[in-house]
Amino acid sequence: MRSGWHRPALAGLHGLPADLVADKRRPQDDLLSALVAVRDEEDGRLTEEELVGTAMMLIVAGHESTVNLLGDAVLALLQHPKQLGLLRERPELMPGAVEEFLRYDTSVERSTSRYAAEDIELCGVPIPRGSMVVVALGAAGRDAPQA
């Protein structure tokens, strides 16, 4: 496979949220329109790059989390056929099952990047102001019970 083959696809993908942001400049009652209004009409709290990046995150996050939730749920049910049978017999359990699928194997492995606003120490590890911090969401709730 030739090197750089993915660049035109990425450029096209970047164009999608940029086109969406342009469309949302015609006022509508939705989140992205509100963000566009903040960018265009208010105190400039968002740059154009931040606005397009947020639009991209909304598109990708909505897609990826749904795809991963469905795939992980199917895998879990295939690995636990008694639970699959129970859901087939009692479909009213599905809302609770969805919550359990999200807890059991998170559909999003890590948070978006954040930056420490001040010097802190977490579990004996110093985190200097300005350091990038990423939370491994899939690690939550996996420790042995604490006394």
N, C-alpha and C. Protein backbone atom coordinates (compact mmCIF):
# COMPACT_ATOMS: atom_id res chain seq x y z
N MET A 1 0.85 -1.17 0.00
CA MET A 1 0.00 0.00 0.00
C MET A 1 0.90 1.24 0.00
N ARG A 2 0.55 2.21 -0.82
CA ARG A 2 1.42 3.39 -0.92
C ARG A 2 1.27 4.30 0.30
N SER A 3 2.35 4.95 0.64
CA SER A 3 2.38 5.85 1.78
C SER A 3 1.54 7.10 1.50
N GLY A 4 0.82 7.56 2.52
CA GLY A 4 0.04 8.78 2.40
C GLY A 4 -1.30 8.63 1.71
N TRP A 5 -1.72 7.41 1.42
CA TRP A 5 -2.99 7.17 0.73
C TRP A 5 -4.19 7.73 1.48
N HIS A 6 -4.05 7.84 2.80
CA HIS A 6 -5.18 8.26 3.64
C HIS A 6 -5.36 9.78 3.70
N ARG A 7 -4.37 10.54 3.26
CA ARG A 7 -4.45 12.00 3.40
C ARG A 7 -5.65 12.63 2.69
N PRO A 8 -5.96 12.25 1.44
CA PRO A 8 -7.15 12.85 0.81
C PRO A 8 -8.44 12.50 1.56
N ALA A 9 -8.51 11.29 2.11
CA ALA A 9 -9.70 10.91 2.87
C ALA A 9 -9.83 11.75 4.13
N LEU A 10 -8.71 11.97 4.82
CA LEU A 10 -8.74 12.80 6.02
C LEU A 10 -9.12 14.24 5.68
N ALA A 11 -8.61 14.75 4.58
CA ALA A 11 -8.96 16.11 4.16
C ALA A 11 -10.46 16.20 3.87
N GLY A 12 -10.99 15.18 3.20
CA GLY A 12 -12.43 15.15 2.93
C GLY A 12 -13.24 15.06 4.20
N LEU A 13 -12.75 14.26 5.15
CA LEU A 13 -13.43 14.13 6.43
C LEU A 13 -13.43 15.44 7.19
N HIS A 14 -12.32 16.17 7.13
CA HIS A 14 -12.24 17.49 7.78
C HIS A 14 -13.21 18.46 7.12
N GLY A 15 -13.43 18.32 5.83
CA GLY A 15 -14.35 19.22 5.13
C GLY A 15 -15.79 19.04 5.58
N LEU A 16 -16.16 17.85 6.03
CA LEU A 16 -17.53 17.59 6.47
C LEU A 16 -17.95 18.49 7.62
N PRO A 17 -17.20 18.54 8.74
CA PRO A 17 -17.64 19.45 9.80
C PRO A 17 -17.53 20.92 9.42
N ALA A 18 -16.57 21.26 8.56
CA ALA A 18 -16.46 22.66 8.11
C ALA A 18 -17.71 23.04 7.32
N ASP A 19 -18.19 22.16 6.44
CA ASP A 19 -19.43 22.41 5.69
C ASP A 19 -20.62 22.48 6.64
N LEU A 20 -20.63 21.62 7.64
CA LEU A 20 -21.72 21.60 8.62
C LEU A 20 -21.75 22.91 9.40
N VAL A 21 -20.58 23.40 9.81
CA VAL A 21 -20.50 24.68 10.53
C VAL A 21 -21.03 25.80 9.63
N ALA A 22 -20.66 25.79 8.36
CA ALA A 22 -21.14 26.83 7.43
C ALA A 22 -22.67 26.78 7.33
N ASP A 23 -23.25 25.59 7.25
CA ASP A 23 -24.70 25.43 7.19
C ASP A 23 -25.37 25.95 8.46
N LYS A 24 -24.74 25.76 9.60
CA LYS A 24 -25.33 26.15 10.87
C LYS A 24 -25.26 27.66 11.10
N ARG A 25 -24.62 28.38 10.22
CA ARG A 25 -24.61 29.84 10.35
C ARG A 25 -25.98 30.42 10.00
N ARG A 26 -26.86 29.61 9.40
CA ARG A 26 -28.26 29.98 9.25
C ARG A 26 -28.93 29.49 10.53
N PRO A 27 -29.39 30.38 11.41
CA PRO A 27 -29.84 30.00 12.76
C PRO A 27 -30.85 28.86 12.78
N GLN A 28 -30.56 27.90 13.62
CA GLN A 28 -31.42 26.74 13.85
C GLN A 28 -31.39 26.44 15.34
N ASP A 29 -32.31 25.64 15.80
CA ASP A 29 -32.41 25.35 17.23
C ASP A 29 -31.69 24.03 17.55
N ASP A 30 -30.36 24.07 17.56
CA ASP A 30 -29.59 22.88 17.90
C ASP A 30 -28.25 23.29 18.50
N LEU A 31 -27.54 22.33 19.04
CA LEU A 31 -26.28 22.59 19.75
C LEU A 31 -25.24 23.25 18.85
N LEU A 32 -25.03 22.71 17.67
CA LEU A 32 -23.99 23.26 16.81
C LEU A 32 -24.31 24.69 16.38
N SER A 33 -25.58 24.98 16.10
CA SER A 33 -25.97 26.36 15.77
C SER A 33 -25.66 27.29 16.93
N ALA A 34 -25.90 26.83 18.16
CA ALA A 34 -25.60 27.64 19.34
C ALA A 34 -24.10 27.90 19.45
N LEU A 35 -23.28 26.89 19.16
CA LEU A 35 -21.83 27.07 19.21
C LEU A 35 -21.35 28.03 18.12
N VAL A 36 -21.97 27.94 16.93
CA VAL A 36 -21.64 28.87 15.86
C VAL A 36 -21.97 30.29 16.28
N ALA A 37 -23.12 30.47 16.94
CA ALA A 37 -23.50 31.81 17.41
C ALA A 37 -22.49 32.34 18.42
N VAL A 38 -22.01 31.47 19.31
CA VAL A 38 -20.99 31.90 20.27
C VAL A 38 -19.75 32.37 19.52
N ARG A 39 -19.35 31.63 18.51
CA ARG A 39 -18.17 31.99 17.73
C ARG A 39 -18.36 33.30 16.99
N ASP A 40 -19.54 33.46 16.35
CA ASP A 40 -19.74 34.59 15.45
C ASP A 40 -20.27 35.85 16.13
N GLU A 41 -21.04 35.69 17.18
CA GLU A 41 -21.77 36.84 17.72
C GLU A 41 -21.32 37.26 19.11
N GLU A 42 -20.72 36.38 19.85
CA GLU A 42 -20.42 36.72 21.23
C GLU A 42 -18.98 37.18 21.38
N ASP A 43 -18.36 36.83 22.47
CA ASP A 43 -17.06 37.40 22.82
C ASP A 43 -15.86 36.67 22.23
N GLY A 44 -16.04 35.87 21.21
CA GLY A 44 -14.93 35.20 20.58
C GLY A 44 -14.30 34.12 21.42
N ARG A 45 -15.11 33.49 22.29
CA ARG A 45 -14.56 32.43 23.16
C ARG A 45 -14.11 31.22 22.37
N LEU A 46 -14.62 31.05 21.16
CA LEU A 46 -14.21 29.93 20.32
C LEU A 46 -13.53 30.45 19.06
N THR A 47 -12.43 29.82 18.68
CA THR A 47 -11.83 30.13 17.38
C THR A 47 -12.55 29.28 16.34
N GLU A 48 -12.35 29.61 15.08
CA GLU A 48 -12.95 28.81 14.01
C GLU A 48 -12.42 27.37 14.07
N GLU A 49 -11.13 27.24 14.36
CA GLU A 49 -10.53 25.90 14.47
C GLU A 49 -11.18 25.11 15.62
N GLU A 50 -11.41 25.76 16.76
CA GLU A 50 -12.07 25.08 17.88
C GLU A 50 -13.50 24.69 17.53
N LEU A 51 -14.19 25.55 16.80
CA LEU A 51 -15.56 25.27 16.39
C LEU A 51 -15.62 24.06 15.47
N VAL A 52 -14.76 24.03 14.46
CA VAL A 52 -14.73 22.89 13.53
C VAL A 52 -14.28 21.62 14.27
N GLY A 53 -13.30 21.76 15.18
CA GLY A 53 -12.85 20.61 15.96
C GLY A 53 -13.95 20.05 16.84
N THR A 54 -14.76 20.93 17.43
CA THR A 54 -15.88 20.48 18.26
C THR A 54 -16.92 19.77 17.40
N ALA A 55 -17.19 20.32 16.22
CA ALA A 55 -18.13 19.66 15.30
C ALA A 55 -17.63 18.27 14.93
N MET A 56 -16.34 18.16 14.66
CA MET A 56 -15.74 16.86 14.33
C MET A 56 -15.89 15.89 15.50
N MET A 57 -15.64 16.37 16.71
CA MET A 57 -15.75 15.52 17.89
C MET A 57 -17.19 15.03 18.06
N LEU A 58 -18.16 15.91 17.84
CA LEU A 58 -19.56 15.50 17.97
C LEU A 58 -19.91 14.41 16.95
N ILE A 59 -19.42 14.56 15.73
CA ILE A 59 -19.69 13.57 14.69
C ILE A 59 -19.04 12.24 15.03
N VAL A 60 -17.76 12.26 15.34
CA VAL A 60 -17.01 11.03 15.60
C VAL A 60 -17.47 10.37 16.89
N ALA A 61 -17.65 11.16 17.94
CA ALA A 61 -18.03 10.59 19.23
C ALA A 61 -19.39 9.91 19.15
N GLY A 62 -20.33 10.54 18.48
CA GLY A 62 -21.65 9.93 18.35
C GLY A 62 -21.61 8.64 17.57
N HIS A 63 -20.79 8.56 16.57
CA HIS A 63 -20.67 7.36 15.75
C HIS A 63 -19.90 6.27 16.47
N GLU A 64 -18.71 6.62 16.94
CA GLU A 64 -17.83 5.62 17.53
C GLU A 64 -18.41 4.99 18.79
N SER A 65 -18.99 5.80 19.65
CA SER A 65 -19.54 5.23 20.89
C SER A 65 -20.69 4.28 20.60
N THR A 66 -21.52 4.60 19.62
CA THR A 66 -22.65 3.73 19.27
C THR A 66 -22.15 2.43 18.65
N VAL A 67 -21.23 2.53 17.72
CA VAL A 67 -20.66 1.33 17.08
C VAL A 67 -20.01 0.42 18.12
N ASN A 68 -19.20 1.01 19.00
CA ASN A 68 -18.52 0.20 20.01
C ASN A 68 -19.48 -0.39 21.02
N LEU A 69 -20.51 0.35 21.42
CA LEU A 69 -21.51 -0.18 22.34
C LEU A 69 -22.19 -1.40 21.73
N LEU A 70 -22.62 -1.30 20.49
CA LEU A 70 -23.31 -2.42 19.84
C LEU A 70 -22.40 -3.63 19.68
N GLY A 71 -21.18 -3.40 19.22
CA GLY A 71 -20.24 -4.51 19.05
C GLY A 71 -19.89 -5.18 20.37
N ASP A 72 -19.62 -4.37 21.40
CA ASP A 72 -19.28 -4.92 22.71
C ASP A 72 -20.46 -5.67 23.32
N ALA A 73 -21.67 -5.16 23.12
CA ALA A 73 -22.87 -5.82 23.66
C ALA A 73 -23.09 -7.17 23.00
N VAL A 74 -22.95 -7.23 21.68
CA VAL A 74 -23.12 -8.50 20.98
C VAL A 74 -22.07 -9.50 21.45
N LEU A 75 -20.82 -9.07 21.56
CA LEU A 75 -19.76 -9.96 22.03
C LEU A 75 -20.06 -10.47 23.44
N ALA A 76 -20.47 -9.57 24.33
CA ALA A 76 -20.77 -9.98 25.71
C ALA A 76 -21.91 -11.00 25.74
N LEU A 77 -22.94 -10.77 24.94
CA LEU A 77 -24.07 -11.72 24.93
C LEU A 77 -23.66 -13.06 24.34
N LEU A 78 -22.80 -13.06 23.34
CA LEU A 78 -22.33 -14.34 22.78
C LEU A 78 -21.44 -15.08 23.78
N GLN A 79 -20.70 -14.33 24.60
CA GLN A 79 -19.85 -14.96 25.61
C GLN A 79 -20.64 -15.40 26.84
N HIS A 80 -21.85 -14.88 27.00
CA HIS A 80 -22.70 -15.21 28.16
C HIS A 80 -24.09 -15.60 27.66
N PRO A 81 -24.20 -16.80 27.08
CA PRO A 81 -25.46 -17.20 26.44
C PRO A 81 -26.66 -17.24 27.40
N LYS A 82 -26.43 -17.46 28.70
CA LYS A 82 -27.57 -17.44 29.63
C LYS A 82 -28.17 -16.04 29.69
N GLN A 83 -27.34 -15.02 29.67
CA GLN A 83 -27.83 -13.64 29.69
C GLN A 83 -28.56 -13.32 28.39
N LEU A 84 -28.05 -13.82 27.27
CA LEU A 84 -28.72 -13.64 25.99
C LEU A 84 -30.11 -14.27 26.03
N GLY A 85 -30.18 -15.49 26.57
CA GLY A 85 -31.46 -16.17 26.70
C GLY A 85 -32.43 -15.40 27.58
N LEU A 86 -31.92 -14.86 28.67
CA LEU A 86 -32.76 -14.08 29.58
C LEU A 86 -33.33 -12.85 28.88
N LEU A 87 -32.51 -12.15 28.11
CA LEU A 87 -33.00 -10.98 27.37
C LEU A 87 -34.02 -11.37 26.31
N ARG A 88 -33.82 -12.52 25.69
CA ARG A 88 -34.79 -12.99 24.69
C ARG A 88 -36.13 -13.29 25.36
N GLU A 89 -36.08 -13.90 26.55
CA GLU A 89 -37.31 -14.24 27.27
C GLU A 89 -37.98 -13.02 27.89
N ARG A 90 -37.17 -12.03 28.29
CA ARG A 90 -37.70 -10.87 29.01
C ARG A 90 -37.15 -9.57 28.41
N PRO A 91 -37.65 -9.18 27.24
CA PRO A 91 -37.14 -7.98 26.56
C PRO A 91 -37.31 -6.70 27.37
N GLU A 92 -38.18 -6.70 28.37
CA GLU A 92 -38.35 -5.51 29.21
C GLU A 92 -37.11 -5.22 30.04
N LEU A 93 -36.19 -6.18 30.11
CA LEU A 93 -34.93 -5.98 30.83
C LEU A 93 -33.90 -5.19 30.01
N MET A 94 -34.20 -4.93 28.75
CA MET A 94 -33.23 -4.30 27.85
C MET A 94 -32.71 -2.94 28.34
N PRO A 95 -33.57 -2.02 28.86
CA PRO A 95 -32.99 -0.74 29.32
C PRO A 95 -31.90 -0.93 30.38
N GLY A 96 -32.12 -1.82 31.33
CA GLY A 96 -31.10 -2.09 32.34
C GLY A 96 -29.89 -2.78 31.74
N ALA A 97 -30.13 -3.63 30.74
CA ALA A 97 -29.03 -4.32 30.08
C ALA A 97 -28.12 -3.33 29.36
N VAL A 98 -28.70 -2.33 28.72
CA VAL A 98 -27.90 -1.32 28.03
C VAL A 98 -27.00 -0.59 29.03
N GLU A 99 -27.57 -0.24 30.18
CA GLU A 99 -26.75 0.41 31.22
C GLU A 99 -25.62 -0.52 31.66
N GLU A 100 -25.91 -1.80 31.79
CA GLU A 100 -24.88 -2.75 32.20
C GLU A 100 -23.83 -2.93 31.11
N PHE A 101 -24.24 -2.94 29.84
CA PHE A 101 -23.26 -3.03 28.76
C PHE A 101 -22.29 -1.85 28.83
N LEU A 102 -22.82 -0.67 29.09
CA LEU A 102 -21.96 0.52 29.19
C LEU A 102 -21.00 0.41 30.37
N ARG A 103 -21.45 -0.16 31.47
CA ARG A 103 -20.60 -0.31 32.65
C ARG A 103 -19.60 -1.45 32.46
N TYR A 104 -20.06 -2.55 31.92
CA TYR A 104 -19.27 -3.77 31.82
C TYR A 104 -18.06 -3.60 30.91
N ASP A 105 -18.25 -3.01 29.76
CA ASP A 105 -17.14 -2.81 28.81
C ASP A 105 -17.40 -1.50 28.08
N THR A 106 -16.84 -0.43 28.61
CA THR A 106 -17.13 0.90 28.10
C THR A 106 -16.93 1.00 26.59
N SER A 107 -17.82 1.72 25.94
CA SER A 107 -17.72 1.86 24.49
C SER A 107 -16.72 2.96 24.09
N VAL A 108 -16.27 3.74 25.06
CA VAL A 108 -15.27 4.76 24.82
C VAL A 108 -14.12 4.49 25.79
N GLU A 109 -12.96 4.19 25.26
CA GLU A 109 -11.83 3.76 26.10
C GLU A 109 -11.18 4.88 26.89
N ARG A 110 -11.16 6.09 26.32
CA ARG A 110 -10.47 7.16 27.04
C ARG A 110 -11.19 8.47 26.82
N SER A 111 -10.95 9.39 27.74
CA SER A 111 -11.54 10.71 27.64
C SER A 111 -10.80 11.53 26.60
N THR A 112 -11.37 12.67 26.25
CA THR A 112 -10.62 13.61 25.43
C THR A 112 -9.51 14.18 26.30
N SER A 113 -8.50 14.71 25.69
CA SER A 113 -7.36 15.24 26.44
C SER A 113 -7.76 16.48 27.23
N ARG A 114 -7.23 16.56 28.41
CA ARG A 114 -7.41 17.72 29.27
C ARG A 114 -6.02 18.18 29.71
N TYR A 115 -5.95 19.38 30.26
CA TYR A 115 -4.67 19.91 30.72
C TYR A 115 -4.82 20.39 32.16
N ALA A 116 -3.85 20.03 32.98
CA ALA A 116 -3.90 20.41 34.39
C ALA A 116 -3.86 21.93 34.52
N ALA A 117 -4.81 22.48 35.26
CA ALA A 117 -4.90 23.93 35.44
C ALA A 117 -3.92 24.42 36.50
N GLU A 118 -3.45 23.49 37.33
CA GLU A 118 -2.48 23.86 38.37
C GLU A 118 -1.66 22.62 38.71
N ASP A 119 -0.55 22.81 39.40
CA ASP A 119 0.26 21.69 39.85
C ASP A 119 -0.56 20.88 40.86
N ILE A 120 -0.65 19.56 40.64
CA ILE A 120 -1.35 18.70 41.59
C ILE A 120 -0.57 17.40 41.75
N GLU A 121 -0.93 16.64 42.75
CA GLU A 121 -0.38 15.30 42.94
C GLU A 121 -1.57 14.35 43.04
N LEU A 122 -1.53 13.26 42.29
CA LEU A 122 -2.61 12.29 42.28
C LEU A 122 -2.02 10.91 42.55
N CYS A 123 -2.39 10.34 43.68
CA CYS A 123 -1.88 9.02 44.08
C CYS A 123 -0.36 8.99 44.09
N GLY A 124 0.24 10.07 44.55
CA GLY A 124 1.69 10.13 44.66
C GLY A 124 2.41 10.52 43.38
N VAL A 125 1.66 10.77 42.31
CA VAL A 125 2.28 11.14 41.03
C VAL A 125 2.09 12.64 40.80
N PRO A 126 3.20 13.38 40.68
CA PRO A 126 3.07 14.82 40.43
C PRO A 126 2.59 15.08 39.00
N ILE A 127 1.64 15.99 38.85
CA ILE A 127 1.15 16.40 37.54
C ILE A 127 1.34 17.92 37.46
N PRO A 128 2.35 18.36 36.72
CA PRO A 128 2.62 19.80 36.64
C PRO A 128 1.54 20.54 35.85
N ARG A 129 1.35 21.79 36.21
CA ARG A 129 0.42 22.66 35.49
C ARG A 129 0.73 22.61 33.99
N GLY A 130 -0.31 22.49 33.18
CA GLY A 130 -0.14 22.46 31.73
C GLY A 130 0.08 21.07 31.15
N SER A 131 0.27 20.06 32.00
CA SER A 131 0.47 18.69 31.51
C SER A 131 -0.83 18.12 30.97
N MET A 132 -0.70 17.33 29.90
CA MET A 132 -1.87 16.67 29.35
C MET A 132 -2.29 15.53 30.27
N VAL A 133 -3.59 15.41 30.48
CA VAL A 133 -4.15 14.35 31.30
C VAL A 133 -5.23 13.65 30.49
N VAL A 134 -5.13 12.33 30.38
CA VAL A 134 -6.13 11.53 29.67
C VAL A 134 -6.61 10.45 30.63
N VAL A 135 -7.90 10.33 30.78
CA VAL A 135 -8.48 9.35 31.69
C VAL A 135 -8.78 8.06 30.92
N ALA A 136 -8.30 6.92 31.43
CA ALA A 136 -8.61 5.62 30.84
C ALA A 136 -9.95 5.16 31.43
N LEU A 137 -11.04 5.49 30.74
CA LEU A 137 -12.37 5.22 31.25
C LEU A 137 -12.62 3.72 31.45
N GLY A 138 -12.04 2.90 30.60
CA GLY A 138 -12.22 1.46 30.70
C GLY A 138 -11.59 0.86 31.94
N ALA A 139 -10.73 1.61 32.61
CA ALA A 139 -10.08 1.10 33.81
C ALA A 139 -10.93 1.30 35.06
N ALA A 140 -11.94 2.13 34.98
CA ALA A 140 -12.76 2.43 36.16
C ALA A 140 -13.55 1.20 36.61
N GLY A 141 -13.60 1.01 37.90
CA GLY A 141 -14.38 -0.09 38.46
C GLY A 141 -13.76 -1.45 38.28
N ARG A 142 -12.48 -1.53 37.99
CA ARG A 142 -11.81 -2.82 37.76
C ARG A 142 -10.92 -3.23 38.92
N ASP A 143 -10.71 -2.35 39.90
CA ASP A 143 -9.86 -2.66 41.04
C ASP A 143 -10.55 -3.64 41.97
N ALA A 144 -9.75 -4.35 42.73
CA ALA A 144 -10.30 -5.23 43.76
C ALA A 144 -10.99 -4.37 44.83
N PRO A 145 -12.00 -4.91 45.50
CA PRO A 145 -12.68 -4.12 46.55
C PRO A 145 -11.67 -3.63 47.60
N GLN A 146 -11.88 -2.42 48.05
CA GLN A 146 -11.00 -1.80 49.03
C GLN A 146 -11.63 -1.91 50.42
N ALA A 147 -10.81 -2.17 51.43
CA ALA A 147 -11.33 -2.30 52.80
C ALA A 147 -11.54 -0.95 53.42
